[in-house]
Amino acid sequence: MANRTAPALELRDGDRSELERLTRAATVMASTAQRARIVLLAADGVGNQVIADTVGVSRPTVNLWRDRYAERGLQGLADEPRPGRPRRV
């Protein structure tokens, strides 16, 4: 059975312009811009493997950010605190 292409991700009202802004902003963390790029490509109907190759991540990473956006919208693209001791610099 061949892999099927995931359906285009449906964006919430007004999110496309914010996602596009995140990909261009100089003050946004690179990880946030990358996540925004993943969601935009998914919304345009690009296949997960093509997104992964284009953005430079794994296919499971694309799935993760598609799912997080679908569940929580733009807030789902933010970093979540990790359990354990905070990192020291």
PDB file of N, CA and C in Angstrom:
ATOM      1  N   MET A   1       0.840  -1.182   0.000  1.00  0.00           N
ATOM      2  CA  MET A   1       0.000   0.000   0.000  1.00  0.00           C
ATOM      3  C   MET A   1       0.883   1.241   0.000  1.00  0.00           C
ATOM      4  N   ALA A   2       0.674   2.123  -0.923  1.00  0.00           N
ATOM      5  CA  ALA A   2       1.481   3.326  -1.062  1.00  0.00           C
ATOM      6  C   ALA A   2       1.108   4.351   0.007  1.00  0.00           C
ATOM      7  N   ASN A   3       2.094   5.172   0.349  1.00  0.00           N
ATOM      8  CA  ASN A   3       1.819   6.255   1.298  1.00  0.00           C
ATOM      9  C   ASN A   3       0.882   7.266   0.658  1.00  0.00           C
ATOM     10  N   ARG A   4      -0.064   7.719   1.446  1.00  0.00           N
ATOM     11  CA  ARG A   4      -0.987   8.739   0.946  1.00  0.00           C
ATOM     12  C   ARG A   4      -0.521  10.113   1.405  1.00  0.00           C
ATOM     13  N   THR A   5      -0.741  11.100   0.578  1.00  0.00           N
ATOM     14  CA  THR A   5      -0.405  12.468   0.940  1.00  0.00           C
ATOM     15  C   THR A   5      -1.426  12.973   1.949  1.00  0.00           C
ATOM     16  N   ALA A   6      -0.932  13.618   2.989  1.00  0.00           N
ATOM     17  CA  ALA A   6      -1.828  14.176   3.999  1.00  0.00           C
ATOM     18  C   ALA A   6      -2.658  15.289   3.366  1.00  0.00           C
ATOM     19  N   PRO A   7      -3.892  15.444   3.811  1.00  0.00           N
ATOM     20  CA  PRO A   7      -4.708  16.526   3.266  1.00  0.00           C
ATOM     21  C   PRO A   7      -4.133  17.876   3.671  1.00  0.00           C
ATOM     22  N   ALA A   8      -4.466  18.897   2.904  1.00  0.00           N
ATOM     23  CA  ALA A   8      -3.994  20.248   3.226  1.00  0.00           C
ATOM     24  C   ALA A   8      -4.480  20.632   4.621  1.00  0.00           C
ATOM     25  N   LEU A   9      -3.619  21.258   5.370  1.00  0.00           N
ATOM     26  CA  LEU A   9      -3.944  21.708   6.715  1.00  0.00           C
ATOM     27  C   LEU A   9      -4.801  22.956   6.614  1.00  0.00           C
ATOM     28  N   GLU A  10      -5.918  22.965   7.301  1.00  0.00           N
ATOM     29  CA  GLU A  10      -6.801  24.127   7.257  1.00  0.00           C
ATOM     30  C   GLU A  10      -6.355  25.148   8.299  1.00  0.00           C
ATOM     31  N   LEU A  11      -6.073  26.365   7.807  1.00  0.00           N
ATOM     32  CA  LEU A  11      -5.646  27.431   8.706  1.00  0.00           C
ATOM     33  C   LEU A  11      -6.850  28.116   9.337  1.00  0.00           C
ATOM     34  N   ARG A  12      -6.653  28.604  10.537  1.00  0.00           N
ATOM     35  CA  ARG A  12      -7.697  29.363  11.224  1.00  0.00           C
ATOM     36  C   ARG A  12      -7.735  30.771  10.655  1.00  0.00           C
ATOM     37  N   ASP A  13      -8.858  31.435  10.831  1.00  0.00           N
ATOM     38  CA  ASP A  13      -9.037  32.786  10.290  1.00  0.00           C
ATOM     39  C   ASP A  13      -7.925  33.721  10.744  1.00  0.00           C
ATOM     40  N   GLY A  14      -7.307  34.395   9.791  1.00  0.00           N
ATOM     41  CA  GLY A  14      -6.281  35.380  10.085  1.00  0.00           C
ATOM     42  C   GLY A  14      -4.901  34.826  10.360  1.00  0.00           C
ATOM     43  N   ASP A  15      -4.747  33.514  10.414  1.00  0.00           N
ATOM     44  CA  ASP A  15      -3.454  32.942  10.772  1.00  0.00           C
ATOM     45  C   ASP A  15      -2.430  33.002   9.642  1.00  0.00           C
ATOM     46  N   ARG A  16      -2.867  32.965   8.393  1.00  0.00           N
ATOM     47  CA  ARG A  16      -1.897  32.959   7.286  1.00  0.00           C
ATOM     48  C   ARG A  16      -1.006  34.199   7.337  1.00  0.00           C
ATOM     49  N   SER A  17      -1.576  35.356   7.532  1.00  0.00           N
ATOM     50  CA  SER A  17      -0.759  36.575   7.552  1.00  0.00           C
ATOM     51  C   SER A  17       0.200  36.570   8.737  1.00  0.00           C
ATOM     52  N   GLU A  18      -0.231  36.065   9.874  1.00  0.00           N
ATOM     53  CA  GLU A  18       0.649  35.990  11.044  1.00  0.00           C
ATOM     54  C   GLU A  18       1.766  34.971  10.821  1.00  0.00           C
ATOM     55  N   LEU A  19       1.449  33.835  10.235  1.00  0.00           N
ATOM     56  CA  LEU A  19       2.467  32.828   9.936  1.00  0.00           C
ATOM     57  C   LEU A  19       3.490  33.373   8.940  1.00  0.00           C
ATOM     58  N   GLU A  20       3.027  34.080   7.930  1.00  0.00           N
ATOM     59  CA  GLU A  20       3.937  34.684   6.955  1.00  0.00           C
ATOM     60  C   GLU A  20       4.825  35.726   7.617  1.00  0.00           C
ATOM     61  N   ARG A  21       4.267  36.493   8.546  1.00  0.00           N
ATOM     62  CA  ARG A  21       5.044  37.484   9.283  1.00  0.00           C
ATOM     63  C   ARG A  21       6.137  36.792  10.105  1.00  0.00           C
ATOM     64  N   LEU A  22       5.781  35.676  10.738  1.00  0.00           N
ATOM     65  CA  LEU A  22       6.753  34.944  11.550  1.00  0.00           C
ATOM     66  C   LEU A  22       7.923  34.435  10.716  1.00  0.00           C
ATOM     67  N   THR A  23       7.674  34.083   9.471  1.00  0.00           N
ATOM     68  CA  THR A  23       8.758  33.572   8.624  1.00  0.00           C
ATOM     69  C   THR A  23       9.705  34.677   8.177  1.00  0.00           C
ATOM     70  N   ARG A  24       9.256  35.931   8.231  1.00  0.00           N
ATOM     71  CA  ARG A  24      10.077  37.058   7.760  1.00  0.00           C
ATOM     72  C   ARG A  24      10.683  37.893   8.876  1.00  0.00           C
ATOM     73  N   ALA A  25      10.150  37.806  10.080  1.00  0.00           N
ATOM     74  CA  ALA A  25      10.576  38.683  11.168  1.00  0.00           C
ATOM     75  C   ALA A  25      11.996  38.366  11.627  1.00  0.00           C
ATOM     76  N   ALA A  26      12.779  39.395  11.802  1.00  0.00           N
ATOM     77  CA  ALA A  26      14.161  39.225  12.247  1.00  0.00           C
ATOM     78  C   ALA A  26      14.240  38.954  13.744  1.00  0.00           C
ATOM     79  N   THR A  27      13.194  39.303  14.476  1.00  0.00           N
ATOM     80  CA  THR A  27      13.228  39.157  15.932  1.00  0.00           C
ATOM     81  C   THR A  27      12.602  37.852  16.417  1.00  0.00           C
ATOM     82  N   VAL A  28      12.191  36.996  15.509  1.00  0.00           N
ATOM     83  CA  VAL A  28      11.561  35.726  15.865  1.00  0.00           C
ATOM     84  C   VAL A  28      12.641  34.644  15.927  1.00  0.00           C
ATOM     85  N   MET A  29      12.519  33.750  16.893  1.00  0.00           N
ATOM     86  CA  MET A  29      13.469  32.641  16.989  1.00  0.00           C
ATOM     87  C   MET A  29      13.403  31.798  15.719  1.00  0.00           C
ATOM     88  N   ALA A  30      14.545  31.257  15.315  1.00  0.00           N
ATOM     89  CA  ALA A  30      14.606  30.455  14.089  1.00  0.00           C
ATOM     90  C   ALA A  30      13.672  29.256  14.162  1.00  0.00           C
ATOM     91  N   SER A  31      13.537  28.659  15.346  1.00  0.00           N
ATOM     92  CA  SER A  31      12.657  27.492  15.477  1.00  0.00           C
ATOM     93  C   SER A  31      11.200  27.866  15.229  1.00  0.00           C
ATOM     94  N   THR A  32      10.796  29.039  15.680  1.00  0.00           N
ATOM     95  CA  THR A  32       9.416  29.494  15.465  1.00  0.00           C
ATOM     96  C   THR A  32       9.177  29.770  13.989  1.00  0.00           C
ATOM     97  N   ALA A  33      10.137  30.392  13.329  1.00  0.00           N
ATOM     98  CA  ALA A  33      10.009  30.661  11.890  1.00  0.00           C
ATOM     99  C   ALA A  33       9.934  29.349  11.117  1.00  0.00           C
ATOM    100  N   GLN A  34      10.717  28.365  11.514  1.00  0.00           N
ATOM    101  CA  GLN A  34      10.704  27.062  10.850  1.00  0.00           C
ATOM    102  C   GLN A  34       9.340  26.389  11.019  1.00  0.00           C
ATOM    103  N   ARG A  35       8.780  26.450  12.212  1.00  0.00           N
ATOM    104  CA  ARG A  35       7.467  25.859  12.467  1.00  0.00           C
ATOM    105  C   ARG A  35       6.396  26.549  11.636  1.00  0.00           C
ATOM    106  N   ALA A  36       6.479  27.871  11.529  1.00  0.00           N
ATOM    107  CA  ALA A  36       5.522  28.620  10.715  1.00  0.00           C
ATOM    108  C   ALA A  36       5.633  28.196   9.248  1.00  0.00           C
ATOM    109  N   ARG A  37       6.863  28.000   8.764  1.00  0.00           N
ATOM    110  CA  ARG A  37       7.080  27.550   7.390  1.00  0.00           C
ATOM    111  C   ARG A  37       6.450  26.181   7.156  1.00  0.00           C
ATOM    112  N   ILE A  38       6.605  25.282   8.135  1.00  0.00           N
ATOM    113  CA  ILE A  38       6.030  23.940   8.030  1.00  0.00           C
ATOM    114  C   ILE A  38       4.515  24.035   7.900  1.00  0.00           C
ATOM    115  N   VAL A  39       3.892  24.836   8.744  1.00  0.00           N
ATOM    116  CA  VAL A  39       2.431  24.959   8.740  1.00  0.00           C
ATOM    117  C   VAL A  39       1.957  25.592   7.431  1.00  0.00           C
ATOM    118  N   LEU A  40       2.647  26.612   6.949  1.00  0.00           N
ATOM    119  CA  LEU A  40       2.248  27.242   5.686  1.00  0.00           C
ATOM    120  C   LEU A  40       2.335  26.264   4.519  1.00  0.00           C
ATOM    121  N   LEU A  41       3.407  25.510   4.453  1.00  0.00           N
ATOM    122  CA  LEU A  41       3.540  24.529   3.374  1.00  0.00           C
ATOM    123  C   LEU A  41       2.455  23.456   3.476  1.00  0.00           C
ATOM    124  N   ALA A  42       2.156  23.027   4.704  1.00  0.00           N
ATOM    125  CA  ALA A  42       1.101  22.031   4.904  1.00  0.00           C
ATOM    126  C   ALA A  42      -0.252  22.596   4.477  1.00  0.00           C
ATOM    127  N   ALA A  43      -0.479  23.867   4.746  1.00  0.00           N
ATOM    128  CA  ALA A  43      -1.739  24.499   4.341  1.00  0.00           C
ATOM    129  C   ALA A  43      -1.842  24.621   2.828  1.00  0.00           C
ATOM    130  N   ASP A  44      -0.708  24.706   2.159  1.00  0.00           N
ATOM    131  CA  ASP A  44      -0.697  24.798   0.698  1.00  0.00           C
ATOM    132  C   ASP A  44      -0.814  23.422   0.038  1.00  0.00           C
ATOM    133  N   GLY A  45      -0.925  22.369   0.854  1.00  0.00           N
ATOM    134  CA  GLY A  45      -1.130  21.032   0.320  1.00  0.00           C
ATOM    135  C   GLY A  45       0.144  20.295  -0.053  1.00  0.00           C
ATOM    136  N   VAL A  46       1.289  20.810   0.370  1.00  0.00           N
ATOM    137  CA  VAL A  46       2.560  20.152   0.078  1.00  0.00           C
ATOM    138  C   VAL A  46       2.663  18.897   0.944  1.00  0.00           C
ATOM    139  N   GLY A  47       3.159  17.814   0.384  1.00  0.00           N
ATOM    140  CA  GLY A  47       3.286  16.555   1.107  1.00  0.00           C
ATOM    141  C   GLY A  47       4.288  16.653   2.252  1.00  0.00           C
ATOM    142  N   ASN A  48       4.075  15.840   3.273  1.00  0.00           N
ATOM    143  CA  ASN A  48       4.926  15.893   4.466  1.00  0.00           C
ATOM    144  C   ASN A  48       6.392  15.623   4.173  1.00  0.00           C
ATOM    145  N   GLN A  49       6.691  14.655   3.309  1.00  0.00           N
ATOM    146  CA  GLN A  49       8.095  14.372   2.999  1.00  0.00           C
ATOM    147  C   GLN A  49       8.735  15.524   2.249  1.00  0.00           C
ATOM    148  N   VAL A  50       7.992  16.145   1.360  1.00  0.00           N
ATOM    149  CA  VAL A  50       8.522  17.300   0.625  1.00  0.00           C
ATOM    150  C   VAL A  50       8.760  18.461   1.595  1.00  0.00           C
ATOM    151  N   ILE A  51       7.835  18.672   2.518  1.00  0.00           N
ATOM    152  CA  ILE A  51       8.026  19.718   3.536  1.00  0.00           C
ATOM    153  C   ILE A  51       9.283  19.420   4.342  1.00  0.00           C
ATOM    154  N   ALA A  52       9.430  18.182   4.785  1.00  0.00           N
ATOM    155  CA  ALA A  52      10.596  17.795   5.582  1.00  0.00           C
ATOM    156  C   ALA A  52      11.888  18.066   4.815  1.00  0.00           C
ATOM    157  N   ASP A  53      11.927  17.685   3.549  1.00  0.00           N
ATOM    158  CA  ASP A  53      13.121  17.900   2.732  1.00  0.00           C
ATOM    159  C   ASP A  53      13.381  19.392   2.506  1.00  0.00           C
ATOM    160  N   THR A  54      12.333  20.152   2.288  1.00  0.00           N
ATOM    161  CA  THR A  54      12.454  21.580   2.023  1.00  0.00           C
ATOM    162  C   THR A  54      12.947  22.341   3.251  1.00  0.00           C
ATOM    163  N   VAL A  55      12.377  22.024   4.401  1.00  0.00           N
ATOM    164  CA  VAL A  55      12.670  22.765   5.630  1.00  0.00           C
ATOM    165  C   VAL A  55      13.911  22.210   6.333  1.00  0.00           C
ATOM    166  N   GLY A  56      14.245  20.966   6.062  1.00  0.00           N
ATOM    167  CA  GLY A  56      15.425  20.368   6.675  1.00  0.00           C
ATOM    168  C   GLY A  56      15.153  19.700   8.008  1.00  0.00           C
ATOM    169  N   VAL A  57      13.976  19.067   8.114  1.00  0.00           N
ATOM    170  CA  VAL A  57      13.605  18.336   9.329  1.00  0.00           C
ATOM    171  C   VAL A  57      13.147  16.940   8.936  1.00  0.00           C
ATOM    172  N   SER A  58      12.811  16.125   9.928  1.00  0.00           N
ATOM    173  CA  SER A  58      12.300  14.786   9.645  1.00  0.00           C
ATOM    174  C   SER A  58      10.796  14.831   9.419  1.00  0.00           C
ATOM    175  N   ARG A  59      10.276  13.793   8.800  1.00  0.00           N
ATOM    176  CA  ARG A  59       8.831  13.718   8.578  1.00  0.00           C
ATOM    177  C   ARG A  59       8.058  13.670   9.892  1.00  0.00           C
ATOM    178  N   PRO A  60       8.524  12.939  10.924  1.00  0.00           N
ATOM    179  CA  PRO A  60       7.814  12.993  12.207  1.00  0.00           C
ATOM    180  C   PRO A  60       7.750  14.405  12.799  1.00  0.00           C
ATOM    181  N   THR A  61       8.780  15.217  12.534  1.00  0.00           N
ATOM    182  CA  THR A  61       8.753  16.602  13.013  1.00  0.00           C
ATOM    183  C   THR A  61       7.670  17.387  12.297  1.00  0.00           C
ATOM    184  N   VAL A  62       7.521  17.170  11.009  1.00  0.00           N
ATOM    185  CA  VAL A  62       6.436  17.825  10.259  1.00  0.00           C
ATOM    186  C   VAL A  62       5.087  17.407  10.841  1.00  0.00           C
ATOM    187  N   ASN A  63       4.927  16.104  11.089  1.00  0.00           N
ATOM    188  CA  ASN A  63       3.671  15.616  11.676  1.00  0.00           C
ATOM    189  C   ASN A  63       3.399  16.266  13.031  1.00  0.00           C
ATOM    190  N   LEU A  64       4.436  16.400  13.847  1.00  0.00           N
ATOM    191  CA  LEU A  64       4.291  17.008  15.163  1.00  0.00           C
ATOM    192  C   LEU A  64       3.731  18.418  15.071  1.00  0.00           C
ATOM    193  N   TRP A  65       4.330  19.245  14.210  1.00  0.00           N
ATOM    194  CA  TRP A  65       3.896  20.643  14.126  1.00  0.00           C
ATOM    195  C   TRP A  65       2.566  20.798  13.409  1.00  0.00           C
ATOM    196  N   ARG A  66       2.256  19.929  12.464  1.00  0.00           N
ATOM    197  CA  ARG A  66       0.916  19.937  11.867  1.00  0.00           C
ATOM    198  C   ARG A  66      -0.129  19.656  12.944  1.00  0.00           C
ATOM    199  N   ASP A  67       0.127  18.618  13.738  1.00  0.00           N
ATOM    200  CA  ASP A  67      -0.821  18.234  14.787  1.00  0.00           C
ATOM    201  C   ASP A  67      -0.952  19.309  15.855  1.00  0.00           C
ATOM    202  N   ARG A  68       0.173  19.879  16.273  1.00  0.00           N
ATOM    203  CA  ARG A  68       0.121  20.918  17.309  1.00  0.00           C
ATOM    204  C   ARG A  68      -0.663  22.126  16.818  1.00  0.00           C
ATOM    205  N   TYR A  69      -0.451  22.527  15.546  1.00  0.00           N
ATOM    206  CA  TYR A  69      -1.209  23.651  15.010  1.00  0.00           C
ATOM    207  C   TYR A  69      -2.692  23.304  14.937  1.00  0.00           C
ATOM    208  N   ALA A  70      -3.010  22.112  14.465  1.00  0.00           N
ATOM    209  CA  ALA A  70      -4.411  21.702  14.328  1.00  0.00           C
ATOM    210  C   ALA A  70      -5.122  21.712  15.688  1.00  0.00           C
ATOM    211  N   GLU A  71      -4.415  21.319  16.735  1.00  0.00           N
ATOM    212  CA  GLU A  71      -5.014  21.256  18.069  1.00  0.00           C
ATOM    213  C   GLU A  71      -5.098  22.617  18.751  1.00  0.00           C
ATOM    214  N   ARG A  72      -4.028  23.423  18.629  1.00  0.00           N
ATOM    215  CA  ARG A  72      -3.932  24.644  19.442  1.00  0.00           C
ATOM    216  C   ARG A  72      -3.766  25.940  18.665  1.00  0.00           C
ATOM    217  N   GLY A  73      -3.722  25.863  17.352  1.00  0.00           N
ATOM    218  CA  GLY A  73      -3.527  27.088  16.583  1.00  0.00           C
ATOM    219  C   GLY A  73      -2.121  27.629  16.734  1.00  0.00           C
ATOM    220  N   LEU A  74      -1.978  28.930  16.617  1.00  0.00           N
ATOM    221  CA  LEU A  74      -0.665  29.560  16.687  1.00  0.00           C
ATOM    222  C   LEU A  74       0.034  29.310  18.024  1.00  0.00           C
ATOM    223  N   GLN A  75      -0.733  29.205  19.092  1.00  0.00           N
ATOM    224  CA  GLN A  75      -0.140  28.948  20.409  1.00  0.00           C
ATOM    225  C   GLN A  75       0.558  27.593  20.447  1.00  0.00           C
ATOM    226  N   GLY A  76       0.122  26.666  19.621  1.00  0.00           N
ATOM    227  CA  GLY A  76       0.740  25.354  19.573  1.00  0.00           C
ATOM    228  C   GLY A  76       2.144  25.356  19.002  1.00  0.00           C
ATOM    229  N   LEU A  77       2.539  26.453  18.341  1.00  0.00           N
ATOM    230  CA  LEU A  77       3.863  26.531  17.744  1.00  0.00           C
ATOM    231  C   LEU A  77       4.913  27.059  18.722  1.00  0.00           C
ATOM    232  N   ALA A  78       4.472  27.506  19.895  1.00  0.00           N
ATOM    233  CA  ALA A  78       5.397  28.047  20.896  1.00  0.00           C
ATOM    234  C   ALA A  78       6.136  26.914  21.602  1.00  0.00           C
ATOM    235  N   ASP A  79       7.306  27.233  22.110  1.00  0.00           N
ATOM    236  CA  ASP A  79       8.069  26.264  22.895  1.00  0.00           C
ATOM    237  C   ASP A  79       7.347  25.992  24.199  1.00  0.00           C
ATOM    238  N   GLU A  80       7.378  24.740  24.625  1.00  0.00           N
ATOM    239  CA  GLU A  80       6.803  24.379  25.910  1.00  0.00           C
ATOM    240  C   GLU A  80       7.935  24.135  26.884  1.00  0.00           C
ATOM    241  N   PRO A  81       7.746  24.514  28.149  1.00  0.00           N
ATOM    242  CA  PRO A  81       8.805  24.244  29.119  1.00  0.00           C
ATOM    243  C   PRO A  81       9.007  22.736  29.277  1.00  0.00           C
ATOM    244  N   ARG A  82      10.242  22.348  29.409  1.00  0.00           N
ATOM    245  CA  ARG A  82      10.568  20.939  29.566  1.00  0.00           C
ATOM    246  C   ARG A  82      10.703  20.613  31.047  1.00  0.00           C
ATOM    247  N   PRO A  83      10.332  19.409  31.421  1.00  0.00           N
ATOM    248  CA  PRO A  83      10.493  19.028  32.835  1.00  0.00           C
ATOM    249  C   PRO A  83      11.968  18.887  33.182  1.00  0.00           C
ATOM    250  N   GLY A  84      12.265  19.026  34.435  1.00  0.00           N
ATOM    251  CA  GLY A  84      13.655  18.869  34.886  1.00  0.00           C
ATOM    252  C   GLY A  84      14.278  20.192  35.254  1.00  0.00           C
ATOM    253  N   ARG A  85      15.532  20.140  35.539  1.00  0.00           N
ATOM    254  CA  ARG A  85      16.249  21.347  35.931  1.00  0.00           C
ATOM    255  C   ARG A  85      16.438  22.277  34.747  1.00  0.00           C
ATOM    256  N   PRO A  86      16.356  23.579  34.997  1.00  0.00           N
ATOM    257  CA  PRO A  86      16.619  24.518  33.900  1.00  0.00           C
ATOM    258  C   PRO A  86      18.097  24.470  33.479  1.00  0.00           C
ATOM    259  N   ARG A  87      18.321  24.759  32.223  1.00  0.00           N
ATOM    260  CA  ARG A  87      19.672  24.776  31.702  1.00  0.00           C
ATOM    261  C   ARG A  87      20.451  25.960  32.264  1.00  0.00           C
ATOM    262  N   ARG A  88      21.731  25.771  32.501  1.00  0.00           N
ATOM    263  CA  ARG A  88      22.587  26.880  32.950  1.00  0.00           C
ATOM    264  C   ARG A  88      23.510  27.248  31.815  1.00  0.00           C
ATOM    265  N   VAL A  89      23.713  28.539  31.691  1.00  0.00           N
ATOM    266  CA  VAL A  89      24.588  29.030  30.627  1.00  0.00           C
ATOM    267  C   VAL A  89      25.842  29.607  31.242  1.00  0.00           C
TER     268      VAL A  89
END
